[in-house]
PDB file of N, CA and C in Angstrom:
ATOM      1  N   UNK A   1       0.885  -0.809   0.038  1.00  0.00           N
ATOM      2  CA  UNK A   1       0.255  -0.023  -0.007  1.00  0.00           C
ATOM      3  C   UNK A   1       0.995   1.503   0.142  1.00  0.00           C
ATOM      4  N   UNK A   2       0.359   2.326  -0.477  1.00  0.00           N
ATOM      5  CA  UNK A   2       0.831   3.680  -0.691  1.00  0.00           C
ATOM      6  C   UNK A   2      -0.035   4.699  -0.404  1.00  0.00           C
ATOM      7  N   UNK A   3       0.345   5.808  -0.376  1.00  0.00           N
ATOM      8  CA  UNK A   3      -0.646   7.120  -0.544  1.00  0.00           C
ATOM      9  C   UNK A   3       0.060   7.956  -1.578  1.00  0.00           C
ATOM     10  N   UNK A   4      -1.226   8.685  -2.279  1.00  0.00           N
ATOM     11  CA  UNK A   4      -1.121   9.765  -3.133  1.00  0.00           C
ATOM     12  C   UNK A   4      -1.617  10.630  -2.286  1.00  0.00           C
ATOM     13  N   UNK A   5      -1.275  11.849  -2.676  1.00  0.00           N
ATOM     14  CA  UNK A   5      -1.639  13.022  -2.019  1.00  0.00           C
ATOM     15  C   UNK A   5      -1.714  14.032  -2.686  1.00  0.00           C
ATOM     16  N   UNK A   6      -2.641  15.019  -2.998  1.00  0.00           N
ATOM     17  CA  UNK A   6      -2.963  16.502  -3.974  1.00  0.00           C
ATOM     18  C   UNK A   6      -3.200  17.449  -2.619  1.00  0.00           C
ATOM     19  N   UNK A   7      -1.990  18.291  -2.339  1.00  0.00           N
ATOM     20  CA  UNK A   7      -2.148  19.104  -1.192  1.00  0.00           C
ATOM     21  C   UNK A   7      -2.091  20.319  -1.539  1.00  0.00           C
ATOM     22  N   UNK A   8      -3.063  21.709  -1.121  1.00  0.00           N
ATOM     23  CA  UNK A   8      -3.176  22.625  -1.388  1.00  0.00           C
ATOM     24  C   UNK A   8      -3.473  23.214  -2.623  1.00  0.00           C
ATOM     25  N   UNK A   9      -4.689  22.410  -3.035  1.00  0.00           N
ATOM     26  CA  UNK A   9      -5.368  22.545  -4.261  1.00  0.00           C
ATOM     27  C   UNK A   9      -6.100  24.236  -3.946  1.00  0.00           C
ATOM     28  N   UNK A  10      -6.679  25.210  -5.017  1.00  0.00           N
ATOM     29  CA  UNK A  10      -7.219  26.349  -4.147  1.00  0.00           C
ATOM     30  C   UNK A  10      -8.259  26.349  -5.241  1.00  0.00           C
ATOM     31  N   UNK A  11      -9.363  27.123  -5.043  1.00  0.00           N
ATOM     32  CA  UNK A  11     -10.342  27.459  -6.107  1.00  0.00           C
ATOM     33  C   UNK A  11     -10.759  28.556  -5.493  1.00  0.00           C
ATOM     34  N   UNK A  12     -11.806  28.977  -6.367  1.00  0.00           N
ATOM     35  CA  UNK A  12     -12.717  30.216  -6.116  1.00  0.00           C
ATOM     36  C   UNK A  12     -14.024  30.003  -6.386  1.00  0.00           C
ATOM     37  N   UNK A  13     -14.980  29.728  -5.490  1.00  0.00           N
ATOM     38  CA  UNK A  13     -16.195  28.601  -5.569  1.00  0.00           C
ATOM     39  C   UNK A  13     -17.087  29.693  -5.466  1.00  0.00           C
ATOM     40  N   UNK A  14     -18.477  29.095  -5.583  1.00  0.00           N
ATOM     41  CA  UNK A  14     -19.999  29.663  -5.032  1.00  0.00           C
ATOM     42  C   UNK A  14     -20.393  28.685  -4.264  1.00  0.00           C
ATOM     43  N   UNK A  15     -20.174  28.346  -3.083  1.00  0.00           N
ATOM     44  CA  UNK A  15     -20.457  27.240  -2.187  1.00  0.00           C
ATOM     45  C   UNK A  15     -20.700  28.274  -0.887  1.00  0.00           C
ATOM     46  N   UNK A  16     -21.792  27.813  -0.119  1.00  0.00           N
ATOM     47  CA  UNK A  16     -22.487  28.326   1.574  1.00  0.00           C
ATOM     48  C   UNK A  16     -23.819  28.172   1.523  1.00  0.00           C
ATOM     49  N   UNK A  17     -23.720  28.384   2.775  1.00  0.00           N
ATOM     50  CA  UNK A  17     -25.353  28.129   3.362  1.00  0.00           C
ATOM     51  C   UNK A  17     -26.309  29.424   3.053  1.00  0.00           C
ATOM     52  N   UNK A  18     -25.809  30.339   2.983  1.00  0.00           N
ATOM     53  CA  UNK A  18     -26.313  31.487   2.435  1.00  0.00           C
ATOM     54  C   UNK A  18     -26.713  32.014   1.261  1.00  0.00           C
ATOM     55  N   UNK A  19     -27.467  32.253   0.759  1.00  0.00           N
ATOM     56  CA  UNK A  19     -27.865  32.234  -0.837  1.00  0.00           C
ATOM     57  C   UNK A  19     -26.396  33.538  -1.123  1.00  0.00           C
ATOM     58  N   UNK A  20     -26.542  34.861  -0.270  1.00  0.00           N
ATOM     59  CA  UNK A  20     -25.522  35.658  -0.515  1.00  0.00           C
ATOM     60  C   UNK A  20     -24.030  35.007  -1.149  1.00  0.00           C
ATOM     61  N   UNK A  21     -23.378  33.973  -0.175  1.00  0.00           N
ATOM     62  CA  UNK A  21     -22.521  33.276  -0.515  1.00  0.00           C
ATOM     63  C   UNK A  21     -22.003  32.398  -1.609  1.00  0.00           C
ATOM     64  N   UNK A  22     -23.627  31.920  -2.126  1.00  0.00           N
ATOM     65  CA  UNK A  22     -23.265  31.556  -3.312  1.00  0.00           C
ATOM     66  C   UNK A  22     -23.433  32.059  -4.458  1.00  0.00           C
ATOM     67  N   UNK A  23     -23.933  33.412  -4.430  1.00  0.00           N
ATOM     68  CA  UNK A  23     -23.654  34.568  -4.952  1.00  0.00           C
ATOM     69  C   UNK A  23     -22.211  35.214  -5.511  1.00  0.00           C
ATOM     70  N   UNK A  24     -21.900  35.313  -4.459  1.00  0.00           N
ATOM     71  CA  UNK A  24     -20.398  36.198  -4.315  1.00  0.00           C
ATOM     72  C   UNK A  24     -19.248  35.488  -4.392  1.00  0.00           C
ATOM     73  N   UNK A  25     -19.404  34.126  -4.020  1.00  0.00           N
ATOM     74  CA  UNK A  25     -18.316  33.454  -4.047  1.00  0.00           C
ATOM     75  C   UNK A  25     -17.036  33.667  -2.924  1.00  0.00           C
ATOM     76  N   UNK A  26     -16.162  32.379  -2.802  1.00  0.00           N
ATOM     77  CA  UNK A  26     -15.309  32.368  -1.797  1.00  0.00           C
ATOM     78  C   UNK A  26     -14.029  31.929  -2.082  1.00  0.00           C
ATOM     79  N   UNK A  27     -13.088  32.039  -1.373  1.00  0.00           N
ATOM     80  CA  UNK A  27     -11.666  31.157  -1.372  1.00  0.00           C
ATOM     81  C   UNK A  27     -11.829  29.815  -0.805  1.00  0.00           C
ATOM     82  N   UNK A  28     -11.110  28.799  -1.243  1.00  0.00           N
ATOM     83  CA  UNK A  28     -11.796  27.307  -0.585  1.00  0.00           C
ATOM     84  C   UNK A  28     -10.129  26.497  -1.087  1.00  0.00           C
ATOM     85  N   UNK A  29      -9.777  25.799  -0.123  1.00  0.00           N
ATOM     86  CA  UNK A  29      -8.982  25.070  -0.016  1.00  0.00           C
ATOM     87  C   UNK A  29      -8.854  23.340   0.060  1.00  0.00           C
ATOM     88  N   UNK A  30      -8.332  22.506  -0.876  1.00  0.00           N
ATOM     89  CA  UNK A  30      -8.747  21.345  -0.805  1.00  0.00           C
ATOM     90  C   UNK A  30      -7.526  20.523  -0.617  1.00  0.00           C
ATOM     91  N   UNK A  31      -7.679  19.174   0.412  1.00  0.00           N
ATOM     92  CA  UNK A  31      -6.304  18.384   0.202  1.00  0.00           C
ATOM     93  C   UNK A  31      -6.926  17.135   0.018  1.00  0.00           C
ATOM     94  N   UNK A  32      -6.642  16.521  -0.636  1.00  0.00           N
ATOM     95  CA  UNK A  32      -6.487  15.094  -0.825  1.00  0.00           C
ATOM     96  C   UNK A  32      -5.840  14.168  -0.730  1.00  0.00           C
ATOM     97  N   UNK A  33      -6.376  12.858   0.068  1.00  0.00           N
ATOM     98  CA  UNK A  33      -5.068  11.492   0.488  1.00  0.00           C
ATOM     99  C   UNK A  33      -5.579  10.424   0.231  1.00  0.00           C
ATOM    100  N   UNK A  34      -5.145   9.847  -0.491  1.00  0.00           N
ATOM    101  CA  UNK A  34      -5.929   8.183  -1.115  1.00  0.00           C
ATOM    102  C   UNK A  34      -4.639   7.137  -0.915  1.00  0.00           C
ATOM    103  N   UNK A  35      -5.776   6.178  -0.296  1.00  0.00           N
ATOM    104  CA  UNK A  35      -4.253   5.019  -0.164  1.00  0.00           C
ATOM    105  C   UNK A  35      -4.877   4.232  -1.202  1.00  0.00           C
ATOM    106  N   UNK A  36      -3.766   3.603  -1.624  1.00  0.00           N
ATOM    107  CA  UNK A  36      -3.781   2.404  -2.882  1.00  0.00           C
ATOM    108  C   UNK A  36      -2.286   1.765  -3.014  1.00  0.00           C
ATOM    109  N   UNK A  37      -2.798   0.572  -3.871  1.00  0.00           N
ATOM    110  CA  UNK A  37      -1.124   0.097  -3.956  1.00  0.00           C
ATOM    111  C   UNK A  37      -0.428   0.494  -4.882  1.00  0.00           C
ATOM    112  N   UNK A  38       0.481   1.343  -4.883  1.00  0.00           N
ATOM    113  CA  UNK A  38       1.441   1.246  -5.590  1.00  0.00           C
ATOM    114  C   UNK A  38       2.608   0.800  -5.882  1.00  0.00           C
ATOM    115  N   UNK A  39       2.788  -0.675  -5.679  1.00  0.00           N
ATOM    116  CA  UNK A  39       3.988  -1.577  -6.191  1.00  0.00           C
ATOM    117  C   UNK A  39       3.764  -1.563  -7.641  1.00  0.00           C
ATOM    118  N   UNK A  40       2.872  -1.842  -8.410  1.00  0.00           N
ATOM    119  CA  UNK A  40       2.672  -1.796  -9.963  1.00  0.00           C
ATOM    120  C   UNK A  40       3.453  -0.636 -10.455  1.00  0.00           C
ATOM    121  N   UNK A  41       2.751   0.320 -10.146  1.00  0.00           N
ATOM    122  CA  UNK A  41       3.480   1.326 -10.956  1.00  0.00           C
ATOM    123  C   UNK A  41       4.728   1.742 -10.319  1.00  0.00           C
ATOM    124  N   UNK A  42       5.370   1.304  -9.297  1.00  0.00           N
ATOM    125  CA  UNK A  42       7.021   1.490  -8.908  1.00  0.00           C
ATOM    126  C   UNK A  42       7.786   0.657  -9.421  1.00  0.00           C
ATOM    127  N   UNK A  43       7.351  -0.506  -9.768  1.00  0.00           N
ATOM    128  CA  UNK A  43       7.908  -1.514 -10.718  1.00  0.00           C
ATOM    129  C   UNK A  43       7.730  -0.912 -12.048  1.00  0.00           C
ATOM    130  N   UNK A  44       6.792  -0.464 -12.578  1.00  0.00           N
ATOM    131  CA  UNK A  44       6.772  -0.367 -14.142  1.00  0.00           C
ATOM    132  C   UNK A  44       7.188   0.811 -14.890  1.00  0.00           C
ATOM    133  N   UNK A  45       7.077   1.973 -13.870  1.00  0.00           N
ATOM    134  CA  UNK A  45       6.825   3.289 -14.318  1.00  0.00           C
ATOM    135  C   UNK A  45       5.955   3.360 -14.947  1.00  0.00           C
ATOM    136  N   UNK A  46       4.942   2.944 -15.286  1.00  0.00           N
ATOM    137  CA  UNK A  46       4.023   3.154 -16.233  1.00  0.00           C
ATOM    138  C   UNK A  46       2.597   3.903 -15.739  1.00  0.00           C
ATOM    139  N   UNK A  47       2.177   4.915 -16.012  1.00  0.00           N
ATOM    140  CA  UNK A  47       1.031   5.717 -15.634  1.00  0.00           C
ATOM    141  C   UNK A  47      -0.416   4.701 -15.446  1.00  0.00           C
ATOM    142  N   UNK A  48      -0.595   4.074 -16.042  1.00  0.00           N
ATOM    143  CA  UNK A  48      -1.905   3.174 -16.083  1.00  0.00           C
ATOM    144  C   UNK A  48      -2.015   2.512 -14.602  1.00  0.00           C
ATOM    145  N   UNK A  49      -0.805   2.125 -14.439  1.00  0.00           N
ATOM    146  CA  UNK A  49      -0.779   1.687 -13.245  1.00  0.00           C
ATOM    147  C   UNK A  49      -1.036   2.242 -11.854  1.00  0.00           C
ATOM    148  N   UNK A  50      -1.451   3.465 -11.739  1.00  0.00           N
ATOM    149  CA  UNK A  50      -1.428   4.023 -10.684  1.00  0.00           C
ATOM    150  C   UNK A  50      -2.566   5.080 -10.989  1.00  0.00           C
ATOM    151  N   UNK A  51      -2.872   5.687  -9.949  1.00  0.00           N
ATOM    152  CA  UNK A  51      -3.841   6.880 -10.465  1.00  0.00           C
ATOM    153  C   UNK A  51      -3.426   8.245 -10.558  1.00  0.00           C
ATOM    154  N   UNK A  52      -3.938   8.475 -11.946  1.00  0.00           N
ATOM    155  CA  UNK A  52      -3.383  10.094 -12.088  1.00  0.00           C
ATOM    156  C   UNK A  52      -3.857  10.792 -11.687  1.00  0.00           C
ATOM    157  N   UNK A  53      -2.911  11.917 -11.245  1.00  0.00           N
ATOM    158  CA  UNK A  53      -3.263  13.039 -10.243  1.00  0.00           C
ATOM    159  C   UNK A  53      -3.715  14.112 -11.304  1.00  0.00           C
ATOM    160  N   UNK A  54      -3.421  14.256 -12.575  1.00  0.00           N
ATOM    161  CA  UNK A  54      -4.306  15.059 -13.182  1.00  0.00           C
ATOM    162  C   UNK A  54      -5.685  15.019 -13.694  1.00  0.00           C
ATOM    163  N   UNK A  55      -6.081  13.684 -13.767  1.00  0.00           N
ATOM    164  CA  UNK A  55      -7.711  13.318 -13.625  1.00  0.00           C
ATOM    165  C   UNK A  55      -8.167  13.500 -12.229  1.00  0.00           C
ATOM    166  N   UNK A  56      -7.183  13.313 -11.182  1.00  0.00           N
ATOM    167  CA  UNK A  56      -7.841  13.732  -9.844  1.00  0.00           C
ATOM    168  C   UNK A  56      -8.284  15.119  -9.541  1.00  0.00           C
ATOM    169  N   UNK A  57      -7.299  15.844  -9.982  1.00  0.00           N
ATOM    170  CA  UNK A  57      -7.491  17.217 -10.016  1.00  0.00           C
ATOM    171  C   UNK A  57      -8.818  17.629 -10.678  1.00  0.00           C
ATOM    172  N   UNK A  58      -8.790  17.422 -11.848  1.00  0.00           N
ATOM    173  CA  UNK A  58      -9.974  17.570 -12.721  1.00  0.00           C
ATOM    174  C   UNK A  58     -11.134  16.954 -11.927  1.00  0.00           C
ATOM    175  N   UNK A  59     -11.283  15.965 -11.319  1.00  0.00           N
ATOM    176  CA  UNK A  59     -12.680  15.349 -10.969  1.00  0.00           C
ATOM    177  C   UNK A  59     -13.045  16.060  -9.217  1.00  0.00           C
ATOM    178  N   UNK A  60     -11.985  16.783  -8.879  1.00  0.00           N
ATOM    179  CA  UNK A  60     -11.971  17.811  -7.724  1.00  0.00           C
ATOM    180  C   UNK A  60     -12.764  18.980  -8.328  1.00  0.00           C
ATOM    181  N   UNK A  61     -12.079  19.615  -9.464  1.00  0.00           N
ATOM    182  CA  UNK A  61     -12.417  21.174  -9.848  1.00  0.00           C
ATOM    183  C   UNK A  61     -13.848  20.938 -10.179  1.00  0.00           C
ATOM    184  N   UNK A  62     -14.130  19.760 -10.820  1.00  0.00           N
ATOM    185  CA  UNK A  62     -15.692  19.631 -11.504  1.00  0.00           C
ATOM    186  C   UNK A  62     -16.582  20.237 -10.424  1.00  0.00           C
ATOM    187  N   UNK A  63     -16.169  18.934  -9.118  1.00  0.00           N
ATOM    188  CA  UNK A  63     -16.818  18.834  -8.047  1.00  0.00           C
ATOM    189  C   UNK A  63     -17.309  20.734  -7.480  1.00  0.00           C
ATOM    190  N   UNK A  64     -16.262  21.092  -7.325  1.00  0.00           N
ATOM    191  CA  UNK A  64     -15.999  22.439  -6.948  1.00  0.00           C
ATOM    192  C   UNK A  64     -16.909  23.748  -7.380  1.00  0.00           C
ATOM    193  N   UNK A  65     -16.928  23.259  -8.779  1.00  0.00           N
ATOM    194  CA  UNK A  65     -17.609  24.075  -9.644  1.00  0.00           C
ATOM    195  C   UNK A  65     -19.204  23.743  -9.628  1.00  0.00           C
ATOM    196  N   UNK A  66     -19.544  22.896  -9.252  1.00  0.00           N
ATOM    197  CA  UNK A  66     -21.153  22.900  -8.860  1.00  0.00           C
ATOM    198  C   UNK A  66     -21.064  23.217  -7.108  1.00  0.00           C
ATOM    199  N   UNK A  67     -22.091  24.459  -7.204  1.00  0.00           N
ATOM    200  CA  UNK A  67     -22.170  24.803  -5.638  1.00  0.00           C
ATOM    201  C   UNK A  67     -22.892  23.616  -4.802  1.00  0.00           C
ATOM    202  N   UNK A  68     -22.641  23.913  -3.332  1.00  0.00           N
ATOM    203  CA  UNK A  68     -23.175  23.330  -2.313  1.00  0.00           C
ATOM    204  C   UNK A  68     -23.139  24.265  -1.339  1.00  0.00           C
ATOM    205  N   UNK A  69     -24.345  23.688  -0.151  1.00  0.00           N
ATOM    206  CA  UNK A  69     -24.553  24.358   0.682  1.00  0.00           C
ATOM    207  C   UNK A  69     -23.848  23.939   2.057  1.00  0.00           C
ATOM    208  N   UNK A  70     -23.170  23.027   2.039  1.00  0.00           N
ATOM    209  CA  UNK A  70     -22.322  22.638   2.931  1.00  0.00           C
ATOM    210  C   UNK A  70     -21.074  21.881   2.624  1.00  0.00           C
ATOM    211  N   UNK A  71     -20.006  21.930   3.310  1.00  0.00           N
ATOM    212  CA  UNK A  71     -18.840  21.555   2.955  1.00  0.00           C
ATOM    213  C   UNK A  71     -18.648  20.248   3.365  1.00  0.00           C
ATOM    214  N   UNK A  72     -19.335  19.781   4.057  1.00  0.00           N
ATOM    215  CA  UNK A  72     -19.663  18.294   4.476  1.00  0.00           C
ATOM    216  C   UNK A  72     -20.270  17.740   2.971  1.00  0.00           C
ATOM    217  N   UNK A  73     -21.266  18.219   2.407  1.00  0.00           N
ATOM    218  CA  UNK A  73     -21.851  17.654   1.394  1.00  0.00           C
ATOM    219  C   UNK A  73     -21.018  17.687  -0.031  1.00  0.00           C
ATOM    220  N   UNK A  74     -20.079  18.897  -0.012  1.00  0.00           N
ATOM    221  CA  UNK A  74     -19.307  18.953  -0.848  1.00  0.00           C
ATOM    222  C   UNK A  74     -18.004  17.562  -0.994  1.00  0.00           C
ATOM    223  N   UNK A  75     -17.470  17.656   0.739  1.00  0.00           N
ATOM    224  CA  UNK A  75     -16.606  16.765   0.719  1.00  0.00           C
ATOM    225  C   UNK A  75     -17.088  15.230   0.136  1.00  0.00           C
ATOM    226  N   UNK A  76     -18.331  14.652   0.641  1.00  0.00           N
ATOM    227  CA  UNK A  76     -18.856  13.660   0.320  1.00  0.00           C
ATOM    228  C   UNK A  76     -19.407  13.427  -1.497  1.00  0.00           C
ATOM    229  N   UNK A  77     -19.390  14.286  -2.092  1.00  0.00           N
ATOM    230  CA  UNK A  77     -19.347  14.180  -3.564  1.00  0.00           C
ATOM    231  C   UNK A  77     -17.904  13.930  -3.964  1.00  0.00           C
ATOM    232  N   UNK A  78     -17.038  14.534  -3.749  1.00  0.00           N
ATOM    233  CA  UNK A  78     -15.678  14.819  -4.167  1.00  0.00           C
ATOM    234  C   UNK A  78     -15.319  13.039  -4.092  1.00  0.00           C
ATOM    235  N   UNK A  79     -15.375  12.387  -2.535  1.00  0.00           N
ATOM    236  CA  UNK A  79     -15.015  11.215  -2.372  1.00  0.00           C
ATOM    237  C   UNK A  79     -15.822  10.239  -2.899  1.00  0.00           C
ATOM    238  N   UNK A  80     -17.147  10.508  -3.370  1.00  0.00           N
ATOM    239  CA  UNK A  80     -17.815   9.420  -4.306  1.00  0.00           C
ATOM    240  C   UNK A  80     -17.221   9.407  -5.757  1.00  0.00           C
ATOM    241  N   UNK A  81     -17.326  10.928  -6.034  1.00  0.00           N
ATOM    242  CA  UNK A  81     -16.777  10.714  -7.621  1.00  0.00           C
ATOM    243  C   UNK A  81     -15.269   9.977  -7.808  1.00  0.00           C
ATOM    244  N   UNK A  82     -14.284  10.510  -6.978  1.00  0.00           N
ATOM    245  CA  UNK A  82     -13.019  10.022  -7.003  1.00  0.00           C
ATOM    246  C   UNK A  82     -12.991   8.659  -7.214  1.00  0.00           C
ATOM    247  N   UNK A  83     -13.628   7.815  -5.960  1.00  0.00           N
ATOM    248  CA  UNK A  83     -13.688   6.400  -5.623  1.00  0.00           C
ATOM    249  C   UNK A  83     -14.489   5.518  -6.420  1.00  0.00           C
ATOM    250  N   UNK A  84     -15.601   6.019  -7.513  1.00  0.00           N
ATOM    251  CA  UNK A  84     -16.076   5.927  -8.066  1.00  0.00           C
ATOM    252  C   UNK A  84     -15.186   5.419  -9.715  1.00  0.00           C
ATOM    253  N   UNK A  85     -14.493   6.419  -9.638  1.00  0.00           N
ATOM    254  CA  UNK A  85     -13.796   6.337 -10.806  1.00  0.00           C
ATOM    255  C   UNK A  85     -12.682   5.701 -10.960  1.00  0.00           C
ATOM    256  N   UNK A  86     -11.775   5.675  -9.197  1.00  0.00           N
ATOM    257  CA  UNK A  86     -10.499   4.690  -9.128  1.00  0.00           C
ATOM    258  C   UNK A  86     -11.229   3.744  -8.229  1.00  0.00           C
ATOM    259  N   UNK A  87     -11.706   2.186  -8.720  1.00  0.00           N
ATOM    260  CA  UNK A  87     -12.115   1.612  -7.661  1.00  0.00           C
ATOM    261  C   UNK A  87     -10.846   1.108  -6.720  1.00  0.00           C
ATOM    262  N   UNK A  88      -9.939   0.905  -7.375  1.00  0.00           N
ATOM    263  CA  UNK A  88      -8.165   0.452  -6.836  1.00  0.00           C
ATOM    264  C   UNK A  88      -7.990   0.890  -5.419  1.00  0.00           C
ATOM    265  N   UNK A  89      -8.781   2.550  -5.079  1.00  0.00           N
ATOM    266  CA  UNK A  89      -8.556   3.015  -3.916  1.00  0.00           C
ATOM    267  C   UNK A  89      -9.139   2.489  -2.821  1.00  0.00           C
ATOM    268  N   UNK A  90      -8.514   2.244  -1.844  1.00  0.00           N
ATOM    269  CA  UNK A  90      -8.920   1.180  -0.872  1.00  0.00           C
ATOM    270  C   UNK A  90      -9.518   2.556   0.367  1.00  0.00           C
ATOM    271  N   UNK A  91      -8.835   3.535   0.633  1.00  0.00           N
ATOM    272  CA  UNK A  91      -9.370   4.663   1.495  1.00  0.00           C
ATOM    273  C   UNK A  91      -8.884   6.320   1.169  1.00  0.00           C
ATOM    274  N   UNK A  92      -9.973   6.888   1.331  1.00  0.00           N
ATOM    275  CA  UNK A  92      -9.422   8.417   0.551  1.00  0.00           C
ATOM    276  C   UNK A  92      -9.745   9.258   1.856  1.00  0.00           C
ATOM    277  N   UNK A  93      -9.567  10.587   2.038  1.00  0.00           N
ATOM    278  CA  UNK A  93      -9.467  11.130   2.721  1.00  0.00           C
ATOM    279  C   UNK A  93      -9.571  12.941   1.985  1.00  0.00           C
ATOM    280  N   UNK A  94     -10.512  13.722   2.058  1.00  0.00           N
ATOM    281  CA  UNK A  94     -10.480  14.913   1.498  1.00  0.00           C
ATOM    282  C   UNK A  94     -10.863  15.985   2.337  1.00  0.00           C
ATOM    283  N   UNK A  95      -9.970  17.200   2.817  1.00  0.00           N
ATOM    284  CA  UNK A  95     -10.396  18.289   4.081  1.00  0.00           C
ATOM    285  C   UNK A  95     -10.592  19.271   2.589  1.00  0.00           C
ATOM    286  N   UNK A  96     -11.544  20.143   3.224  1.00  0.00           N
ATOM    287  CA  UNK A  96     -11.922  21.276   2.502  1.00  0.00           C
ATOM    288  C   UNK A  96     -11.984  22.601   3.165  1.00  0.00           C
ATOM    289  N   UNK A  97     -11.239  23.458   3.304  1.00  0.00           N
ATOM    290  CA  UNK A  97     -11.376  24.567   4.006  1.00  0.00           C
ATOM    291  C   UNK A  97     -12.052  25.951   3.212  1.00  0.00           C
ATOM    292  N   UNK A  98     -12.752  26.572   3.896  1.00  0.00           N
ATOM    293  CA  UNK A  98     -13.105  27.876   3.246  1.00  0.00           C
ATOM    294  C   UNK A  98     -12.834  28.650   3.995  1.00  0.00           C
ATOM    295  N   UNK A  99     -11.876  29.779   3.212  1.00  0.00           N
ATOM    296  CA  UNK A  99     -11.022  30.790   3.805  1.00  0.00           C
ATOM    297  C   UNK A  99     -12.048  32.121   3.994  1.00  0.00           C
ATOM    298  N   UNK A 100     -11.768  32.772   5.282  1.00  0.00           N
ATOM    299  CA  UNK A 100     -12.558  33.896   6.135  1.00  0.00           C
ATOM    300  C   UNK A 100     -14.255  33.492   5.890  1.00  0.00           C
ATOM    301  N   UNK A 101     -14.875  32.772   6.685  1.00  0.00           N
ATOM    302  CA  UNK A 101     -15.858  32.231   6.415  1.00  0.00           C
ATOM    303  C   UNK A 101     -16.879  33.273   7.510  1.00  0.00           C
ATOM    304  N   UNK A 102     -18.245  33.685   6.900  1.00  0.00           N
ATOM    305  CA  UNK A 102     -18.738  34.557   7.585  1.00  0.00           C
ATOM    306  C   UNK A 102     -19.439  34.370   9.050  1.00  0.00           C
ATOM    307  N   UNK A 103     -18.561  34.514   9.967  1.00  0.00           N
ATOM    308  CA  UNK A 103     -18.860  34.051  11.163  1.00  0.00           C
ATOM    309  C   UNK A 103     -18.875  35.016  11.943  1.00  0.00           C
ATOM    310  N   UNK A 104     -19.383  36.634  11.922  1.00  0.00           N
ATOM    311  CA  UNK A 104     -19.056  37.820  12.427  1.00  0.00           C
ATOM    312  C   UNK A 104     -18.124  37.896  13.354  1.00  0.00           C
ATOM    313  N   UNK A 105     -16.863  37.321  12.718  1.00  0.00           N
ATOM    314  CA  UNK A 105     -15.633  37.880  13.855  1.00  0.00           C
ATOM    315  C   UNK A 105     -14.529  36.732  12.977  1.00  0.00           C
ATOM    316  N   UNK A 106     -13.052  37.311  13.286  1.00  0.00           N
ATOM    317  CA  UNK A 106     -12.016  36.613  12.669  1.00  0.00           C
ATOM    318  C   UNK A 106     -11.924  35.376  12.772  1.00  0.00           C
ATOM    319  N   UNK A 107     -12.066  34.613  11.411  1.00  0.00           N
ATOM    320  CA  UNK A 107     -11.708  33.232  11.409  1.00  0.00           C
ATOM    321  C   UNK A 107     -10.981  32.866  10.166  1.00  0.00           C
ATOM    322  N   UNK A 108      -9.654  32.591  10.123  1.00  0.00           N
ATOM    323  CA  UNK A 108      -8.866  32.193   8.693  1.00  0.00           C
ATOM    324  C   UNK A 108      -9.389  31.611   8.225  1.00  0.00           C
ATOM    325  N   UNK A 109     -10.343  30.354   8.648  1.00  0.00           N
ATOM    326  CA  UNK A 109     -10.539  29.096   7.764  1.00  0.00           C
ATOM    327  C   UNK A 109     -11.545  28.213   8.770  1.00  0.00           C
ATOM    328  N   UNK A 110     -12.661  27.989   7.602  1.00  0.00           N
ATOM    329  CA  UNK A 110     -13.348  26.815   8.328  1.00  0.00           C
ATOM    330  C   UNK A 110     -13.255  25.574   7.671  1.00  0.00           C
ATOM    331  N   UNK A 111     -12.625  24.450   8.494  1.00  0.00           N
ATOM    332  CA  UNK A 111     -12.275  22.910   7.797  1.00  0.00           C
ATOM    333  C   UNK A 111     -13.155  22.026   7.883  1.00  0.00           C
ATOM    334  N   UNK A 112     -13.416  21.250   6.870  1.00  0.00           N
ATOM    335  CA  UNK A 112     -14.182  19.982   6.914  1.00  0.00           C
ATOM    336  C   UNK A 112     -13.242  18.574   6.367  1.00  0.00           C
ATOM    337  N   UNK A 113     -13.211  17.819   7.281  1.00  0.00           N
ATOM    338  CA  UNK A 113     -12.674  16.121   6.887  1.00  0.00           C
ATOM    339  C   UNK A 113     -13.533  15.501   6.766  1.00  0.00           C
ATOM    340  N   UNK A 114     -13.351  14.367   5.724  1.00  0.00           N
ATOM    341  CA  UNK A 114     -14.134  13.278   5.482  1.00  0.00           C
ATOM    342  C   UNK A 114     -13.170  12.215   5.047  1.00  0.00           C
ATOM    343  N   UNK A 115     -13.475  11.138   5.616  1.00  0.00           N
ATOM    344  CA  UNK A 115     -12.652  10.048   5.105  1.00  0.00           C
ATOM    345  C   UNK A 115     -13.594   8.952   5.139  1.00  0.00           C
ATOM    346  N   UNK A 116     -13.242   7.648   4.021  1.00  0.00           N
ATOM    347  CA  UNK A 116     -13.892   6.967   3.628  1.00  0.00           C
ATOM    348  C   UNK A 116     -12.982   5.586   3.292  1.00  0.00           C
ATOM    349  N   UNK A 117     -13.287   4.562   3.407  1.00  0.00           N
ATOM    350  CA  UNK A 117     -12.917   3.091   3.190  1.00  0.00           C
ATOM    351  C   UNK A 117     -13.779   2.528   1.998  1.00  0.00           C
ATOM    352  N   UNK A 118     -13.076   1.427   1.051  1.00  0.00           N
ATOM    353  CA  UNK A 118     -13.890   1.229   0.021  1.00  0.00           C
ATOM    354  C   UNK A 118     -14.529  -0.138   0.615  1.00  0.00           C
TER     355      UNK A 118
END
């Protein structure tokens, strides 16, 4: 087993519980950690033997472009899509941060982390 991680992905998107958040948008950060067997790719040096990082990024981007009220729902959608696309992934974890959330005070980010086993 091994781990593939895409960390520090940033997006401007239109998520939020309040209608105004979905109109003005905000900056979000996404970290993705996936556990899968990396031995075949390590031995062969062939992209087809592993999880393509570019495809992972595009799947996250596609979900980030679809508005959601809750970060929890967004994280659930991202994991669903990735684990459906790559059935060889044994465990996935996604963290989504909303920068400067509208809480009525200073908060640099609100973060949700969701994990799932295949």
